[in-house]
Amino acid sequence: MGIFSSCLKGEEDAAVPTPSAVAKRQQLAEAAERRLREAETKGIKDPEKFKRMQEKRIEQDRALDDAPLRADAPLRWQVH
């Protein structure tokens, strides 16, 4: 083992210090957020278009919910 100790002499001082616990926690949180963002857009070619379509769908659902229901309206049949 004496052969390797001469090659590694001075390596202890040049070692990269480990980040503090707070910095490590912050890095882990950032990585988790990045993974969540990537998972949300997985399989979607245009995320902005997807968000616009989703918002439009929500608006349409709200409009249907807010529209007054007419109980006295007759049924209408449409043939295509």
PDB file of N, CA and C in Angstrom:
ATOM      1  N   MET A   1       0.807  -1.189   0.000  1.00  0.00           N
ATOM      2  CA  MET A   1       0.000   0.000   0.000  1.00  0.00           C
ATOM      3  C   MET A   1       0.854   1.257   0.000  1.00  0.00           C
ATOM      4  N   GLY A   2       2.106   1.111   0.272  1.00  0.00           N
ATOM      5  CA  GLY A   2       2.986   2.265   0.299  1.00  0.00           C
ATOM      6  C   GLY A   2       3.134   2.910  -1.061  1.00  0.00           C
ATOM      7  N   ILE A   3       2.934   2.161  -2.107  1.00  0.00           N
ATOM      8  CA  ILE A   3       3.060   2.691  -3.463  1.00  0.00           C
ATOM      9  C   ILE A   3       1.973   3.731  -3.731  1.00  0.00           C
ATOM     10  N   PHE A   4       0.762   3.435  -3.320  1.00  0.00           N
ATOM     11  CA  PHE A   4      -0.349   4.342  -3.590  1.00  0.00           C
ATOM     12  C   PHE A   4      -0.320   5.577  -2.709  1.00  0.00           C
ATOM     13  N   SER A   5       0.172   5.453  -1.516  1.00  0.00           N
ATOM     14  CA  SER A   5       0.177   6.608  -0.618  1.00  0.00           C
ATOM     15  C   SER A   5       1.081   7.713  -1.143  1.00  0.00           C
ATOM     16  N   SER A   6       2.163   7.360  -1.858  1.00  0.00           N
ATOM     17  CA  SER A   6       3.037   8.390  -2.395  1.00  0.00           C
ATOM     18  C   SER A   6       2.367   9.117  -3.563  1.00  0.00           C
ATOM     19  N   CYS A   7       1.518   8.443  -4.312  1.00  0.00           N
ATOM     20  CA  CYS A   7       0.820   9.068  -5.440  1.00  0.00           C
ATOM     21  C   CYS A   7      -0.300   9.982  -4.969  1.00  0.00           C
ATOM     22  N   LEU A   8      -0.909   9.625  -3.871  1.00  0.00           N
ATOM     23  CA  LEU A   8      -2.061  10.377  -3.397  1.00  0.00           C
ATOM     24  C   LEU A   8      -1.690  11.441  -2.376  1.00  0.00           C
ATOM     25  N   LYS A   9      -0.446  11.662  -2.165  1.00  0.00           N
ATOM     26  CA  LYS A   9      -0.013  12.642  -1.176  1.00  0.00           C
ATOM     27  C   LYS A   9      -0.469  14.031  -1.621  1.00  0.00           C
ATOM     28  N   GLY A  10      -1.100  14.748  -0.749  1.00  0.00           N
ATOM     29  CA  GLY A  10      -1.582  16.077  -1.054  1.00  0.00           C
ATOM     30  C   GLY A  10      -2.998  16.090  -1.622  1.00  0.00           C
ATOM     31  N   GLU A  11      -3.578  14.949  -1.886  1.00  0.00           N
ATOM     32  CA  GLU A  11      -4.936  14.871  -2.420  1.00  0.00           C
ATOM     33  C   GLU A  11      -5.966  15.275  -1.372  1.00  0.00           C
ATOM     34  N   GLU A  12      -5.655  15.098  -0.129  1.00  0.00           N
ATOM     35  CA  GLU A  12      -6.602  15.434   0.927  1.00  0.00           C
ATOM     36  C   GLU A  12      -6.901  16.922   0.931  1.00  0.00           C
ATOM     37  N   ASP A  13      -5.919  17.742   0.659  1.00  0.00           N
ATOM     38  CA  ASP A  13      -6.111  19.183   0.654  1.00  0.00           C
ATOM     39  C   ASP A  13      -6.859  19.645  -0.596  1.00  0.00           C
ATOM     40  N   ALA A  14      -6.698  18.950  -1.696  1.00  0.00           N
ATOM     41  CA  ALA A  14      -7.299  19.351  -2.963  1.00  0.00           C
ATOM     42  C   ALA A  14      -8.715  18.805  -3.138  1.00  0.00           C
ATOM     43  N   ALA A  15      -9.212  18.031  -2.195  1.00  0.00           N
ATOM     44  CA  ALA A  15     -10.541  17.443  -2.313  1.00  0.00           C
ATOM     45  C   ALA A  15     -11.601  18.540  -2.281  1.00  0.00           C
ATOM     46  N   VAL A  16     -12.667  18.331  -3.037  1.00  0.00           N
ATOM     47  CA  VAL A  16     -13.767  19.287  -3.094  1.00  0.00           C
ATOM     48  C   VAL A  16     -14.557  19.177  -1.795  1.00  0.00           C
ATOM     49  N   PRO A  17     -14.748  20.290  -1.108  1.00  0.00           N
ATOM     50  CA  PRO A  17     -15.506  20.225   0.145  1.00  0.00           C
ATOM     51  C   PRO A  17     -16.984  19.927  -0.143  1.00  0.00           C
ATOM     52  N   THR A  18     -17.609  19.174   0.742  1.00  0.00           N
ATOM     53  CA  THR A  18     -19.024  18.858   0.566  1.00  0.00           C
ATOM     54  C   THR A  18     -19.852  20.083   0.936  1.00  0.00           C
ATOM     55  N   PRO A  19     -20.964  20.304   0.245  1.00  0.00           N
ATOM     56  CA  PRO A  19     -21.796  21.466   0.554  1.00  0.00           C
ATOM     57  C   PRO A  19     -22.447  21.307   1.926  1.00  0.00           C
ATOM     58  N   SER A  20     -22.806  22.425   2.510  1.00  0.00           N
ATOM     59  CA  SER A  20     -23.446  22.385   3.826  1.00  0.00           C
ATOM     60  C   SER A  20     -24.811  21.715   3.704  1.00  0.00           C
ATOM     61  N   ALA A  21     -25.389  21.399   4.833  1.00  0.00           N
ATOM     62  CA  ALA A  21     -26.682  20.713   4.841  1.00  0.00           C
ATOM     63  C   ALA A  21     -27.763  21.584   4.207  1.00  0.00           C
ATOM     64  N   VAL A  22     -27.715  22.885   4.454  1.00  0.00           N
ATOM     65  CA  VAL A  22     -28.714  23.798   3.894  1.00  0.00           C
ATOM     66  C   VAL A  22     -28.578  23.859   2.375  1.00  0.00           C
ATOM     67  N   ALA A  23     -27.352  23.974   1.893  1.00  0.00           N
ATOM     68  CA  ALA A  23     -27.120  24.035   0.450  1.00  0.00           C
ATOM     69  C   ALA A  23     -27.524  22.718  -0.209  1.00  0.00           C
ATOM     70  N   LYS A  24     -27.213  21.616   0.427  1.00  0.00           N
ATOM     71  CA  LYS A  24     -27.569  20.299  -0.110  1.00  0.00           C
ATOM     72  C   LYS A  24     -29.091  20.150  -0.185  1.00  0.00           C
ATOM     73  N   ARG A  25     -29.791  20.594   0.868  1.00  0.00           N
ATOM     74  CA  ARG A  25     -31.246  20.527   0.896  1.00  0.00           C
ATOM     75  C   ARG A  25     -31.853  21.374  -0.228  1.00  0.00           C
ATOM     76  N   GLN A  26     -31.268  22.555  -0.444  1.00  0.00           N
ATOM     77  CA  GLN A  26     -31.750  23.446  -1.494  1.00  0.00           C
ATOM     78  C   GLN A  26     -31.537  22.813  -2.876  1.00  0.00           C
ATOM     79  N   GLN A  27     -30.394  22.196  -3.091  1.00  0.00           N
ATOM     80  CA  GLN A  27     -30.125  21.531  -4.367  1.00  0.00           C
ATOM     81  C   GLN A  27     -31.109  20.387  -4.603  1.00  0.00           C
ATOM     82  N   LEU A  28     -31.387  19.624  -3.555  1.00  0.00           N
ATOM     83  CA  LEU A  28     -32.328  18.518  -3.683  1.00  0.00           C
ATOM     84  C   LEU A  28     -33.737  19.024  -3.995  1.00  0.00           C
ATOM     85  N   ALA A  29     -34.141  20.133  -3.354  1.00  0.00           N
ATOM     86  CA  ALA A  29     -35.460  20.709  -3.613  1.00  0.00           C
ATOM     87  C   ALA A  29     -35.561  21.205  -5.054  1.00  0.00           C
ATOM     88  N   GLU A  30     -34.519  21.865  -5.540  1.00  0.00           N
ATOM     89  CA  GLU A  30     -34.512  22.353  -6.921  1.00  0.00           C
ATOM     90  C   GLU A  30     -34.584  21.190  -7.908  1.00  0.00           C
ATOM     91  N   ALA A  31     -33.863  20.126  -7.618  1.00  0.00           N
ATOM     92  CA  ALA A  31     -33.886  18.957  -8.497  1.00  0.00           C
ATOM     93  C   ALA A  31     -35.277  18.319  -8.508  1.00  0.00           C
ATOM     94  N   ALA A  32     -35.920  18.266  -7.349  1.00  0.00           N
ATOM     95  CA  ALA A  32     -37.266  17.692  -7.277  1.00  0.00           C
ATOM     96  C   ALA A  32     -38.258  18.540  -8.072  1.00  0.00           C
ATOM     97  N   GLU A  33     -38.161  19.861  -7.958  1.00  0.00           N
ATOM     98  CA  GLU A  33     -39.047  20.747  -8.720  1.00  0.00           C
ATOM     99  C   GLU A  33     -38.819  20.581 -10.219  1.00  0.00           C
ATOM    100  N   ARG A  34     -37.567  20.455 -10.622  1.00  0.00           N
ATOM    101  CA  ARG A  34     -37.242  20.281 -12.037  1.00  0.00           C
ATOM    102  C   ARG A  34     -37.829  18.965 -12.559  1.00  0.00           C
ATOM    103  N   ARG A  35     -37.730  17.903 -11.760  1.00  0.00           N
ATOM    104  CA  ARG A  35     -38.298  16.617 -12.171  1.00  0.00           C
ATOM    105  C   ARG A  35     -39.817  16.699 -12.303  1.00  0.00           C
ATOM    106  N   LEU A  36     -40.468  17.420 -11.391  1.00  0.00           N
ATOM    107  CA  LEU A  36     -41.919  17.575 -11.473  1.00  0.00           C
ATOM    108  C   LEU A  36     -42.321  18.327 -12.738  1.00  0.00           C
ATOM    109  N   ARG A  37     -41.599  19.407 -13.058  1.00  0.00           N
ATOM    110  CA  ARG A  37     -41.895  20.172 -14.279  1.00  0.00           C
ATOM    111  C   ARG A  37     -41.713  19.301 -15.514  1.00  0.00           C
ATOM    112  N   GLU A  38     -40.660  18.508 -15.537  1.00  0.00           N
ATOM    113  CA  GLU A  38     -40.406  17.632 -16.681  1.00  0.00           C
ATOM    114  C   GLU A  38     -41.477  16.552 -16.792  1.00  0.00           C
ATOM    115  N   ALA A  39     -41.943  16.057 -15.657  1.00  0.00           N
ATOM    116  CA  ALA A  39     -42.967  15.014 -15.674  1.00  0.00           C
ATOM    117  C   ALA A  39     -44.302  15.567 -16.172  1.00  0.00           C
ATOM    118  N   GLU A  40     -44.598  16.840 -15.854  1.00  0.00           N
ATOM    119  CA  GLU A  40     -45.846  17.451 -16.295  1.00  0.00           C
ATOM    120  C   GLU A  40     -45.890  17.592 -17.808  1.00  0.00           C
ATOM    121  N   THR A  41     -44.763  17.876 -18.418  1.00  0.00           N
ATOM    122  CA  THR A  41     -44.726  18.124 -19.856  1.00  0.00           C
ATOM    123  C   THR A  41     -44.276  16.907 -20.652  1.00  0.00           C
ATOM    124  N   LYS A  42     -44.148  15.786 -20.017  1.00  0.00           N
ATOM    125  CA  LYS A  42     -43.692  14.581 -20.715  1.00  0.00           C
ATOM    126  C   LYS A  42     -44.733  14.156 -21.750  1.00  0.00           C
ATOM    127  N   GLY A  43     -44.304  14.003 -22.990  1.00  0.00           N
ATOM    128  CA  GLY A  43     -45.195  13.584 -24.057  1.00  0.00           C
ATOM    129  C   GLY A  43     -45.948  14.718 -24.721  1.00  0.00           C
ATOM    130  N   ILE A  44     -45.730  15.955 -24.292  1.00  0.00           N
ATOM    131  CA  ILE A  44     -46.411  17.113 -24.867  1.00  0.00           C
ATOM    132  C   ILE A  44     -45.415  17.863 -25.733  1.00  0.00           C
ATOM    133  N   LYS A  45     -45.758  18.024 -27.018  1.00  0.00           N
ATOM    134  CA  LYS A  45     -44.840  18.704 -27.926  1.00  0.00           C
ATOM    135  C   LYS A  45     -44.777  20.199 -27.649  1.00  0.00           C
ATOM    136  N   ASP A  46     -45.945  20.819 -27.424  1.00  0.00           N
ATOM    137  CA  ASP A  46     -46.012  22.258 -27.202  1.00  0.00           C
ATOM    138  C   ASP A  46     -46.711  22.516 -25.866  1.00  0.00           C
ATOM    139  N   PRO A  47     -45.967  22.677 -24.782  1.00  0.00           N
ATOM    140  CA  PRO A  47     -46.585  22.857 -23.464  1.00  0.00           C
ATOM    141  C   PRO A  47     -47.458  24.109 -23.373  1.00  0.00           C
ATOM    142  N   GLU A  48     -47.074  25.183 -24.067  1.00  0.00           N
ATOM    143  CA  GLU A  48     -47.864  26.416 -24.016  1.00  0.00           C
ATOM    144  C   GLU A  48     -49.233  26.199 -24.657  1.00  0.00           C
ATOM    145  N   LYS A  49     -49.266  25.508 -25.776  1.00  0.00           N
ATOM    146  CA  LYS A  49     -50.531  25.222 -26.450  1.00  0.00           C
ATOM    147  C   LYS A  49     -51.403  24.349 -25.555  1.00  0.00           C
ATOM    148  N   PHE A  50     -50.787  23.390 -24.891  1.00  0.00           N
ATOM    149  CA  PHE A  50     -51.528  22.516 -23.990  1.00  0.00           C
ATOM    150  C   PHE A  50     -52.159  23.319 -22.858  1.00  0.00           C
ATOM    151  N   LYS A  51     -51.404  24.263 -22.292  1.00  0.00           N
ATOM    152  CA  LYS A  51     -51.937  25.094 -21.208  1.00  0.00           C
ATOM    153  C   LYS A  51     -53.089  25.957 -21.699  1.00  0.00           C
ATOM    154  N   ARG A  52     -52.955  26.527 -22.921  1.00  0.00           N
ATOM    155  CA  ARG A  52     -54.036  27.350 -23.471  1.00  0.00           C
ATOM    156  C   ARG A  52     -55.299  26.522 -23.676  1.00  0.00           C
ATOM    157  N   MET A  53     -55.132  25.317 -24.208  1.00  0.00           N
ATOM    158  CA  MET A  53     -56.286  24.450 -24.431  1.00  0.00           C
ATOM    159  C   MET A  53     -56.939  24.049 -23.109  1.00  0.00           C
ATOM    160  N   GLN A  54     -56.126  23.798 -22.115  1.00  0.00           N
ATOM    161  CA  GLN A  54     -56.641  23.418 -20.804  1.00  0.00           C
ATOM    162  C   GLN A  54     -57.421  24.578 -20.184  1.00  0.00           C
ATOM    163  N   GLU A  55     -56.890  25.804 -20.286  1.00  0.00           N
ATOM    164  CA  GLU A  55     -57.587  26.974 -19.757  1.00  0.00           C
ATOM    165  C   GLU A  55     -58.892  27.209 -20.509  1.00  0.00           C
ATOM    166  N   LYS A  56     -58.876  27.013 -21.826  1.00  0.00           N
ATOM    167  CA  LYS A  56     -60.084  27.180 -22.631  1.00  0.00           C
ATOM    168  C   LYS A  56     -61.142  26.173 -22.203  1.00  0.00           C
ATOM    169  N   ARG A  57     -60.732  24.941 -21.960  1.00  0.00           N
ATOM    170  CA  ARG A  57     -61.654  23.895 -21.520  1.00  0.00           C
ATOM    171  C   ARG A  57     -62.266  24.257 -20.163  1.00  0.00           C
ATOM    172  N   ILE A  58     -61.455  24.788 -19.263  1.00  0.00           N
ATOM    173  CA  ILE A  58     -61.951  25.197 -17.948  1.00  0.00           C
ATOM    174  C   ILE A  58     -62.954  26.332 -18.096  1.00  0.00           C
ATOM    175  N   GLU A  59     -62.653  27.304 -18.980  1.00  0.00           N
ATOM    176  CA  GLU A  59     -63.570  28.419 -19.236  1.00  0.00           C
ATOM    177  C   GLU A  59     -64.907  27.899 -19.762  1.00  0.00           C
ATOM    178  N   GLN A  60     -64.871  26.947 -20.684  1.00  0.00           N
ATOM    179  CA  GLN A  60     -66.102  26.396 -21.238  1.00  0.00           C
ATOM    180  C   GLN A  60     -66.906  25.677 -20.162  1.00  0.00           C
ATOM    181  N   ASP A  61     -66.237  24.948 -19.295  1.00  0.00           N
ATOM    182  CA  ASP A  61     -66.929  24.265 -18.206  1.00  0.00           C
ATOM    183  C   ASP A  61     -67.589  25.265 -17.268  1.00  0.00           C
ATOM    184  N   ARG A  62     -66.887  26.352 -16.968  1.00  0.00           N
ATOM    185  CA  ARG A  62     -67.467  27.394 -16.104  1.00  0.00           C
ATOM    186  C   ARG A  62     -68.677  28.030 -16.771  1.00  0.00           C
ATOM    187  N   ALA A  63     -68.573  28.294 -18.074  1.00  0.00           N
ATOM    188  CA  ALA A  63     -69.686  28.907 -18.791  1.00  0.00           C
ATOM    189  C   ALA A  63     -70.907  27.992 -18.763  1.00  0.00           C
ATOM    190  N   LEU A  64     -70.697  26.692 -18.923  1.00  0.00           N
ATOM    191  CA  LEU A  64     -71.818  25.759 -18.863  1.00  0.00           C
ATOM    192  C   LEU A  64     -72.413  25.696 -17.462  1.00  0.00           C
ATOM    193  N   ASP A  65     -71.571  25.753 -16.455  1.00  0.00           N
ATOM    194  CA  ASP A  65     -72.059  25.708 -15.079  1.00  0.00           C
ATOM    195  C   ASP A  65     -72.807  26.981 -14.711  1.00  0.00           C
ATOM    196  N   ASP A  66     -72.358  28.118 -15.222  1.00  0.00           N
ATOM    197  CA  ASP A  66     -72.973  29.400 -14.892  1.00  0.00           C
ATOM    198  C   ASP A  66     -74.218  29.678 -15.722  1.00  0.00           C
ATOM    199  N   ALA A  67     -74.372  29.030 -16.854  1.00  0.00           N
ATOM    200  CA  ALA A  67     -75.528  29.264 -17.721  1.00  0.00           C
ATOM    201  C   ALA A  67     -76.788  28.790 -17.003  1.00  0.00           C
ATOM    202  N   PRO A  68     -77.820  29.616 -17.082  1.00  0.00           N
ATOM    203  CA  PRO A  68     -79.066  29.206 -16.413  1.00  0.00           C
ATOM    204  C   PRO A  68     -79.693  28.016 -17.146  1.00  0.00           C
ATOM    205  N   LEU A  69     -80.129  27.068 -16.378  1.00  0.00           N
ATOM    206  CA  LEU A  69     -80.771  25.890 -16.952  1.00  0.00           C
ATOM    207  C   LEU A  69     -82.238  26.212 -17.197  1.00  0.00           C
ATOM    208  N   ARG A  70     -82.680  25.977 -18.388  1.00  0.00           N
ATOM    209  CA  ARG A  70     -84.067  26.272 -18.733  1.00  0.00           C
ATOM    210  C   ARG A  70     -84.852  24.967 -18.687  1.00  0.00           C
ATOM    211  N   ALA A  71     -85.653  24.826 -17.675  1.00  0.00           N
ATOM    212  CA  ALA A  71     -86.441  23.609 -17.517  1.00  0.00           C
ATOM    213  C   ALA A  71     -87.636  23.605 -18.465  1.00  0.00           C
ATOM    214  N   ASP A  72     -88.097  24.783 -18.867  1.00  0.00           N
ATOM    215  CA  ASP A  72     -89.275  24.856 -19.719  1.00  0.00           C
ATOM    216  C   ASP A  72     -88.932  24.788 -21.209  1.00  0.00           C
ATOM    217  N   ALA A  73     -87.673  24.712 -21.551  1.00  0.00           N
ATOM    218  CA  ALA A  73     -87.278  24.668 -22.958  1.00  0.00           C
ATOM    219  C   ALA A  73     -87.596  23.294 -23.541  1.00  0.00           C
ATOM    220  N   PRO A  74     -88.179  23.280 -24.751  1.00  0.00           N
ATOM    221  CA  PRO A  74     -88.479  21.984 -25.370  1.00  0.00           C
ATOM    222  C   PRO A  74     -87.198  21.298 -25.840  1.00  0.00           C
ATOM    223  N   LEU A  75     -87.278  20.004 -25.985  1.00  0.00           N
ATOM    224  CA  LEU A  75     -86.132  19.249 -26.477  1.00  0.00           C
ATOM    225  C   LEU A  75     -85.961  19.507 -27.968  1.00  0.00           C
ATOM    226  N   ARG A  76     -84.738  19.589 -28.404  1.00  0.00           N
ATOM    227  CA  ARG A  76     -84.457  19.797 -29.815  1.00  0.00           C
ATOM    228  C   ARG A  76     -83.653  18.614 -30.335  1.00  0.00           C
ATOM    229  N   TRP A  77     -84.067  18.137 -31.483  1.00  0.00           N
ATOM    230  CA  TRP A  77     -83.360  17.040 -32.113  1.00  0.00           C
ATOM    231  C   TRP A  77     -82.601  17.579 -33.302  1.00  0.00           C
ATOM    232  N   GLN A  78     -81.366  17.169 -33.404  1.00  0.00           N
ATOM    233  CA  GLN A  78     -80.561  17.585 -34.541  1.00  0.00           C
ATOM    234  C   GLN A  78     -80.079  16.345 -35.269  1.00  0.00           C
ATOM    235  N   VAL A  79     -80.254  16.366 -36.590  1.00  0.00           N
ATOM    236  CA  VAL A  79     -79.801  15.249 -37.407  1.00  0.00           C
ATOM    237  C   VAL A  79     -78.639  15.740 -38.237  1.00  0.00           C
ATOM    238  N   HIS A  80     -77.567  15.018 -38.193  1.00  0.00           N
ATOM    239  CA  HIS A  80     -76.369  15.427 -38.946  1.00  0.00           C
ATOM    240  C   HIS A  80     -76.272  14.660 -40.218  1.00  0.00           C
TER     241      HIS A  80
END
